[in-house]
Amino acid sequence: MDMPTRTFPKITDHDLEALSRRIGVKITETAEPWCYEATRDNIRHYAHGIGDDNPLWCDPGYAAKTRHGGIIALPSFLFATNRIVSGYVGGLPGVHAMWSGADWTWHKAVRRNDEISSEATLKALIPHETRFAGRAIQQIYNVQFYNQEGDKVAEADSWCFRTERDHAREVGTKYKEVRERAPRRYTEEELREAYKLYAQEEVRGATPRYWEDVNVGDELPVLFKGPMTVTGFIAYAQGWGGLYIRANKLAWQLIDAHPGVGIKNRFGIPDVPERVHWEEDFALEVGAPGAYDYGPERNSWLTHHLTNWMGDDGFLRKSLCKVRRHNPEGDMLFIKGKVTKKYESEGRHLVEIEQEGRNQDNELSVIGTGVVQLPTRG
């Protein structure tokens, strides 16, 4: 049975003006985070949710022998400790929010059992005209993260694009060719070739990568992710904690308090917009090419690429991530990196790395820049 075409709320000048009045105002009430504490299990669940088996995050016996003296959290774990940095933004009720990038700076490691608190403000609203969805608003937040001692462990600017779902579905051309393609079916040979990258994936670990041994132009090993499945997207949600993934009474409480969140499914039951990540029909309704990965998941893959390379004695200082397209179910992603700069600053020995991720059809999915602090032989 064909579903009737529904209409979604538009971006109005009235709602945009109301939202603009929040710029620079500290946010005092927001949804509670998925994780308040960096427990052993919370760290492991997040790491496994992005397919990262680095023992520094997951093996207490191994981690105890490192300079850290115990388990630390992978840098991207902080996505699980604040909803706003993850893309759960306010204002413009019913208008689609698509997480599109972040600019992170880390100051110190998050250690096992650290308690994380955060502060957030709306930083800017920037209008855009996009090929994908017509009128769009880039909504940028600044979030700062602290441990139980009051030390700032990290800060990030994170942004979503607020887009009109109807326009993206009816006029948007970005995914027209993708939607017209027959479903991809990989051969056994294609899968074997891709899986070789998993078999050969290098986690630098206890072997130091010294700053003196790195040269501009050095290429990082390719990090493979995929083939994308809904199962994989749900694995990420288990570690990161989707705000809208609630059951029974708690699901009703959410939709009763925020009616705009409830978008009826094929049974006429109000369900959440987050189901674009596991429900193909609904993803197509909002103009996506199919059920697709999470934005913070993509950022976490970029940082995974860097932490594999830098080893236990390195420290990830910065990561810039800009999402360029969805990764729908069935896609593969190949993340490459190259050293573009080597320098010293404030007594630190730093390396800048440009990254990009492309799918199996060489379509650009994500770009990024990382800054890694490395140990020296001196």
Protein backbone atom coordinates (compact mmCIF):
# COMPACT_ATOMS: atom_id res chain seq x y z
CA MET A 1 0.00 0.00 0.00
CA ASP A 2 1.37 3.40 -0.97
CA MET A 3 1.87 5.82 1.89
CA PRO A 4 0.40 9.31 1.43
CA THR A 5 2.96 12.05 0.99
CA ARG A 6 3.24 14.01 4.21
CA THR A 7 4.39 17.57 4.71
CA PHE A 8 6.86 18.79 7.31
CA PRO A 9 7.31 22.16 9.06
CA LYS A 10 9.18 24.95 7.24
CA ILE A 11 11.91 27.30 8.43
CA THR A 12 10.03 30.49 9.27
CA ASP A 13 11.44 33.94 9.90
CA HIS A 14 9.53 34.07 13.20
CA ASP A 15 11.11 30.86 14.51
CA LEU A 16 14.53 31.86 13.23
CA GLU A 17 14.35 35.22 15.00
CA ALA A 18 13.32 33.51 18.24
CA LEU A 19 16.25 31.12 17.95
CA SER A 20 18.71 33.94 17.23
CA ARG A 21 17.92 35.48 20.62
CA ARG A 22 19.59 32.45 22.24
CA ILE A 23 23.03 33.22 20.72
CA GLY A 24 25.65 33.63 23.44
CA VAL A 25 23.27 32.56 26.22
CA LYS A 26 24.51 29.66 28.34
CA ILE A 27 22.20 26.66 28.05
CA THR A 28 21.08 25.66 31.52
CA GLU A 29 18.57 22.95 30.69
CA THR A 30 19.18 20.17 28.20
CA ALA A 31 18.57 16.45 27.88
CA GLU A 32 20.74 14.36 30.16
CA PRO A 33 23.76 12.76 28.51
CA TRP A 34 24.06 9.07 27.75
CA CYS A 35 27.17 8.84 29.94
CA TYR A 36 27.99 10.92 33.00
CA GLU A 37 31.11 8.89 33.77
CA ALA A 38 33.92 7.33 31.78
CA THR A 39 33.52 3.87 33.25
CA ARG A 40 35.33 0.85 31.88
CA ASP A 41 32.12 -0.40 30.29
CA ASN A 42 31.04 2.96 28.87
CA ILE A 43 34.43 3.47 27.23
CA ARG A 44 34.47 -0.06 25.83
CA HIS A 45 30.91 0.17 24.49
CA TYR A 46 31.72 3.40 22.67
CA ALA A 47 34.98 2.04 21.24
CA HIS A 48 33.30 -1.15 20.03
CA GLY A 49 30.46 0.94 18.60
CA ILE A 50 32.90 2.45 16.10
CA GLY A 51 34.76 -0.81 15.53
CA ASP A 52 37.85 0.22 17.53
CA ASP A 53 39.54 -2.64 19.43
CA ASN A 54 42.53 -0.64 20.72
CA PRO A 55 43.47 -2.28 24.05
CA LEU A 56 44.32 1.12 25.55
CA TRP A 57 40.58 1.75 25.77
CA CYS A 58 39.42 -1.78 26.52
CA ASP A 59 42.02 -3.93 28.32
CA PRO A 60 42.90 -2.91 31.91
CA GLY A 61 45.91 -5.24 32.05
CA TYR A 62 47.39 -3.82 28.88
CA ALA A 63 46.59 -0.20 29.77
CA ALA A 64 48.21 -0.54 33.21
CA LYS A 65 51.59 -1.04 31.53
CA THR A 66 51.38 2.17 29.49
CA ARG A 67 52.41 5.65 30.59
CA HIS A 68 48.75 6.29 31.41
CA GLY A 69 48.75 3.63 34.14
CA GLY A 70 45.27 2.46 33.23
CA ILE A 71 42.43 2.70 30.78
CA ILE A 72 41.72 6.06 29.18
CA ALA A 73 38.81 7.05 26.98
CA LEU A 74 39.22 7.35 23.25
CA PRO A 75 38.94 11.05 22.28
CA SER A 76 35.54 10.73 20.57
CA PHE A 77 33.97 9.20 23.70
CA LEU A 78 33.02 12.74 24.72
CA PHE A 79 30.21 12.62 22.14
CA ALA A 80 28.42 10.36 24.63
CA THR A 81 28.69 12.93 27.44
CA ASN A 82 26.80 15.83 25.84
CA ARG A 83 23.69 15.85 23.65
CA ILE A 84 24.26 19.21 21.99
CA VAL A 85 27.70 18.41 20.57
CA SER A 86 26.07 15.30 19.10
CA GLY A 87 23.50 17.29 17.16
CA TYR A 88 20.43 17.39 19.38
CA VAL A 89 19.80 21.08 18.89
CA GLY A 90 17.00 23.42 19.94
CA GLY A 91 14.66 25.75 18.08
CA LEU A 92 12.94 25.48 14.69
CA PRO A 93 10.50 22.75 15.84
CA GLY A 94 9.94 19.95 13.37
CA VAL A 95 12.70 21.12 11.00
CA HIS A 96 15.22 18.41 10.16
CA ALA A 97 18.62 18.68 11.90
CA MET A 98 21.54 17.03 10.11
CA TRP A 99 24.82 16.83 12.03
CA SER A 100 27.49 18.06 9.64
CA GLY A 101 30.77 18.65 11.43
CA ALA A 102 32.82 19.57 14.47
CA ASP A 103 36.06 21.29 15.38
CA TRP A 104 37.55 19.64 18.49
CA THR A 105 40.44 20.56 20.79
CA TRP A 106 41.55 18.19 23.56
CA HIS A 107 43.56 19.41 26.56
CA LYS A 108 44.03 16.27 28.63
CA ALA A 109 43.08 12.62 28.64
CA VAL A 110 39.80 11.39 30.10
CA ARG A 111 40.70 8.64 32.53
CA ARG A 112 38.70 5.67 33.71
CA ASN A 113 35.92 6.74 36.11
CA ASP A 114 36.31 10.45 35.42
CA GLU A 115 33.03 12.32 35.81
CA ILE A 116 32.35 14.62 32.87
CA SER A 117 30.30 17.81 32.96
CA SER A 118 29.81 20.26 30.12
CA GLU A 119 28.69 23.79 29.27
CA ALA A 120 27.14 24.81 25.96
CA THR A 121 26.11 27.98 24.16
CA LEU A 122 24.62 28.67 20.75
CA LYS A 123 27.45 30.37 18.88
CA ALA A 124 26.04 31.33 15.47
CA LEU A 125 23.26 30.87 12.92
CA ILE A 126 24.46 31.08 9.31
CA PRO A 127 22.00 30.98 6.37
CA HIS A 128 22.86 28.88 3.31
CA GLU A 129 21.31 27.94 0.00
CA THR A 130 22.16 24.27 -0.58
CA ARG A 131 21.95 22.02 -3.61
CA PHE A 132 20.60 19.23 -1.42
CA ALA A 133 17.84 20.99 0.51
CA GLY A 134 17.41 24.57 -0.66
CA ARG A 135 17.22 27.01 2.25
CA ALA A 136 19.26 25.77 5.19
CA ILE A 137 20.53 27.19 8.48
CA GLN A 138 23.92 26.21 9.87
CA GLN A 139 23.46 26.09 13.64
CA ILE A 140 26.77 26.19 15.52
CA TYR A 141 27.25 25.44 19.21
CA ASN A 142 30.29 25.68 21.45
CA VAL A 143 30.61 22.98 24.12
CA GLN A 144 33.25 22.76 26.84
CA PHE A 145 33.98 19.61 28.82
CA TYR A 146 35.32 19.33 32.39
CA ASN A 147 36.32 16.49 34.70
CA GLN A 148 35.43 16.15 38.38
CA GLU A 149 38.46 18.26 39.35
CA GLY A 150 37.20 21.17 37.25
CA ASP A 151 39.93 20.71 34.65
CA LYS A 152 38.89 21.44 31.08
CA VAL A 153 39.54 18.25 29.15
CA ALA A 154 38.21 19.38 25.76
CA GLU A 155 36.13 21.88 23.82
CA ALA A 156 34.35 21.74 20.51
CA ASP A 157 32.37 23.75 18.01
CA SER A 158 29.74 21.48 16.53
CA TRP A 159 27.21 22.25 13.82
CA CYS A 160 24.03 20.97 12.27
CA PHE A 161 22.29 22.05 9.11
CA ARG A 162 18.59 22.65 9.61
CA THR A 163 16.88 21.74 6.35
CA GLU A 164 13.33 21.54 5.04
CA ARG A 165 12.50 17.86 4.58
CA ASP A 166 9.92 18.46 1.83
CA HIS A 167 12.36 20.44 -0.30
CA ALA A 168 15.10 17.83 0.14
CA ARG A 169 12.72 15.09 -0.98
CA GLU A 170 11.05 16.89 -3.87
CA VAL A 171 13.73 19.18 -5.33
CA GLY A 172 17.05 18.03 -3.92
CA THR A 173 19.31 16.51 -6.59
CA LYS A 174 22.34 15.43 -4.59
CA TYR A 175 21.22 11.81 -4.29
CA LYS A 176 19.06 11.49 -7.42
CA GLU A 177 21.55 9.20 -9.18
CA VAL A 178 22.18 7.20 -6.02
CA ARG A 179 18.47 6.51 -5.56
CA GLU A 180 18.13 5.44 -9.20
CA ARG A 181 20.90 2.84 -8.96
CA ALA A 182 20.03 -0.81 -8.49
CA PRO A 183 20.85 -2.07 -4.99
CA ARG A 184 24.53 -2.93 -4.77
CA ARG A 185 25.42 -6.56 -4.28
CA TYR A 186 29.10 -7.24 -3.62
CA THR A 187 30.92 -10.24 -4.98
CA GLU A 188 32.85 -12.52 -2.66
CA GLU A 189 36.05 -11.25 -4.26
CA GLU A 190 35.14 -7.60 -3.57
CA LEU A 191 34.42 -8.42 0.06
CA ARG A 192 37.66 -10.38 0.46
CA GLU A 193 39.66 -7.43 -0.88
CA ALA A 194 37.96 -5.01 1.52
CA TYR A 195 38.27 -7.32 4.51
CA LYS A 196 42.04 -7.54 3.94
CA LEU A 197 42.16 -3.98 5.29
CA TYR A 198 40.61 -5.20 8.53
CA ALA A 199 43.07 -8.10 8.72
CA GLN A 200 46.00 -5.72 8.14
CA GLU A 201 44.78 -2.82 10.32
CA GLU A 202 47.68 -1.56 12.41
CA VAL A 203 47.12 -0.33 15.95
CA ARG A 204 50.46 1.30 16.75
CA GLY A 205 50.01 0.70 20.46
CA ALA A 206 53.10 0.36 22.63
CA THR A 207 55.58 1.05 19.84
CA PRO A 208 56.29 4.79 20.03
CA ARG A 209 55.99 6.87 16.89
CA TYR A 210 58.65 9.53 17.39
CA TRP A 211 58.24 13.01 15.99
CA GLU A 212 61.74 12.91 14.51
CA ASP A 213 60.80 9.89 12.37
CA VAL A 214 57.79 11.54 10.72
CA ASN A 215 58.11 13.50 7.48
CA VAL A 216 55.80 15.80 5.56
CA GLY A 217 54.20 13.72 2.83
CA ASP A 218 54.06 10.51 4.87
CA GLU A 219 50.81 8.64 4.25
CA LEU A 220 48.80 6.94 6.96
CA PRO A 221 47.52 3.40 6.43
CA VAL A 222 44.00 3.34 4.98
CA LEU A 223 41.32 2.82 7.62
CA PHE A 224 38.37 0.80 6.30
CA LYS A 225 34.78 1.05 7.58
CA GLY A 226 31.91 -1.01 6.29
CA PRO A 227 30.23 -2.38 4.38
CA MET A 228 27.58 -0.23 6.07
CA THR A 229 24.68 -2.10 7.63
CA VAL A 230 21.79 -1.06 9.85
CA THR A 231 23.30 -3.43 12.41
CA GLY A 232 26.46 -1.30 12.40
CA PHE A 233 24.49 1.92 12.84
CA ILE A 234 22.68 0.39 15.83
CA ALA A 235 26.01 -0.77 17.27
CA TYR A 236 27.12 2.85 17.29
CA ALA A 237 23.87 3.96 18.91
CA GLN A 238 24.45 1.42 21.70
CA GLY A 239 27.72 3.08 22.66
CA TRP A 240 26.79 6.69 21.91
CA GLY A 241 23.20 6.66 23.09
CA GLY A 242 20.62 8.08 20.69
CA LEU A 243 18.46 10.57 22.57
CA TYR A 244 15.27 9.45 20.88
CA ILE A 245 15.80 5.69 21.21
CA ARG A 246 13.34 5.03 24.02
CA ALA A 247 10.89 2.26 24.81
CA ASN A 248 7.26 2.12 25.86
CA LYS A 249 6.43 4.60 28.64
CA LEU A 250 9.65 6.56 28.22
CA ALA A 251 8.99 6.88 24.48
CA TRP A 252 5.48 8.14 25.21
CA GLN A 253 6.80 10.65 27.77
CA LEU A 254 9.20 12.09 25.19
CA ILE A 255 6.58 12.51 22.47
CA ASP A 256 3.94 13.73 24.91
CA ALA A 257 6.30 16.47 26.12
CA HIS A 258 7.56 17.30 22.60
CA PRO A 259 4.79 16.50 20.08
CA GLY A 260 6.89 17.70 17.14
CA VAL A 261 9.24 14.77 17.71
CA GLY A 262 6.52 12.24 16.94
CA ILE A 263 6.32 11.53 13.19
CA LYS A 264 3.78 8.82 12.40
CA ASN A 265 5.05 5.56 10.94
CA ARG A 266 3.18 3.21 8.61
CA PHE A 267 1.06 1.98 11.51
CA GLY A 268 -0.03 5.51 12.38
CA ILE A 269 2.12 5.43 15.53
CA PRO A 270 4.16 8.55 16.38
CA ASP A 271 7.81 7.59 16.10
CA VAL A 272 11.05 9.54 16.20
CA PRO A 273 13.03 11.25 13.40
CA GLU A 274 16.15 9.34 14.43
CA ARG A 275 14.74 6.31 12.63
CA VAL A 276 16.30 7.65 9.41
CA HIS A 277 19.29 5.60 10.58
CA TRP A 278 17.49 2.25 10.46
CA GLU A 279 14.31 2.74 8.42
CA GLU A 280 14.95 3.12 4.70
CA ASP A 281 11.46 4.29 3.72
CA PHE A 282 11.55 7.17 6.19
CA ALA A 283 15.11 8.12 5.18
CA LEU A 284 13.90 8.42 1.58
CA GLU A 285 11.04 10.64 2.74
CA VAL A 286 13.47 13.22 4.11
CA GLY A 287 15.61 13.20 0.97
CA ALA A 288 18.41 10.84 2.06
CA PRO A 289 19.60 7.99 -0.19
CA GLY A 290 18.56 5.38 2.37
CA ALA A 291 19.18 4.49 6.02
CA TYR A 292 22.55 6.03 6.84
CA ASP A 293 25.29 6.39 9.45
CA TYR A 294 25.43 8.94 12.27
CA GLY A 295 27.45 12.15 11.88
CA PRO A 296 29.33 11.81 15.19
CA GLU A 297 30.10 8.24 14.17
CA ARG A 298 31.86 9.57 11.07
CA ASN A 299 33.88 12.05 13.17
CA SER A 300 34.80 9.18 15.49
CA TRP A 301 36.11 7.16 12.54
CA LEU A 302 38.43 10.04 11.64
CA THR A 303 39.82 10.18 15.18
CA HIS A 304 40.12 6.37 15.21
CA HIS A 305 42.33 6.69 12.12
CA LEU A 306 44.61 9.09 13.99
CA THR A 307 44.80 7.22 17.32
CA ASN A 308 45.69 3.98 15.51
CA TRP A 309 48.60 5.80 13.88
CA MET A 310 49.94 7.83 16.81
CA GLY A 311 50.29 5.01 19.37
CA ASP A 312 49.88 4.99 23.14
CA ASP A 313 52.41 7.77 23.70
CA GLY A 314 50.79 10.20 21.27
CA PHE A 315 48.04 12.65 22.14
CA LEU A 316 45.34 13.87 19.78
CA ARG A 317 45.18 17.66 20.15
CA LYS A 318 42.74 18.67 17.41
CA SER A 319 40.29 17.19 14.94
CA LEU A 320 38.24 19.02 12.34
CA CYS A 321 35.52 17.02 10.60
CA LYS A 322 33.28 18.14 7.73
CA VAL A 323 30.65 15.73 6.45
CA ARG A 324 30.09 15.88 2.69
CA ARG A 325 27.47 13.19 2.04
CA HIS A 326 25.52 10.40 3.72
CA ASN A 327 26.96 6.89 3.99
CA PRO A 328 23.86 4.79 3.25
CA GLU A 329 23.45 1.11 3.99
CA GLY A 330 25.63 -0.87 1.57
CA ASP A 331 28.43 1.70 1.29
CA MET A 332 32.07 1.09 2.07
CA LEU A 333 34.32 3.88 3.34
CA PHE A 334 38.08 4.19 2.87
CA ILE A 335 39.76 6.84 5.05
CA LYS A 336 43.16 8.12 3.93
CA GLY A 337 45.54 10.58 5.55
CA LYS A 338 48.75 12.43 4.77
CA VAL A 339 51.16 14.45 6.93
CA THR A 340 51.04 18.05 5.72
CA LYS A 341 52.94 19.90 8.45
CA LYS A 342 55.46 19.21 11.21
CA TYR A 343 56.16 21.87 13.83
CA GLU A 344 56.81 22.81 17.44
CA SER A 345 54.53 24.98 19.55
CA GLU A 346 54.60 25.74 23.30
CA GLY A 347 57.13 22.97 23.82
CA ARG A 348 54.99 20.40 22.01
CA HIS A 349 56.07 18.43 18.98
CA LEU A 350 53.14 18.40 16.61
CA VAL A 351 52.13 16.87 13.29
CA GLU A 352 49.22 18.04 11.12
CA ILE A 353 47.40 15.42 9.06
CA GLU A 354 44.86 15.95 6.27
CA GLN A 355 42.21 13.24 5.98
CA GLU A 356 39.51 12.28 3.54
CA GLY A 357 37.09 9.41 3.29
CA ARG A 358 35.66 8.16 0.00
CA ASN A 359 33.22 5.40 -0.73
CA GLN A 360 33.50 2.44 -3.09
CA ASP A 361 32.53 4.70 -6.02
CA ASN A 362 35.19 7.28 -5.09
CA GLU A 363 32.53 9.75 -3.92
CA LEU A 364 33.79 12.12 -1.23
CA SER A 365 32.11 11.38 2.11
CA VAL A 366 34.10 13.31 4.70
CA ILE A 367 37.16 15.53 5.03
CA GLY A 368 39.14 16.32 8.12
CA THR A 369 42.32 17.68 9.69
CA GLY A 370 44.02 16.30 12.76
CA VAL A 371 46.84 17.63 14.93
CA VAL A 372 48.75 14.95 16.85
CA GLN A 373 51.34 15.50 19.57
CA LEU A 374 54.11 12.90 19.40
CA PRO A 375 56.93 11.89 21.75
CA THR A 376 60.52 12.80 20.89
CA ARG A 377 63.73 10.85 21.13
CA GLY A 378 65.20 13.62 23.24
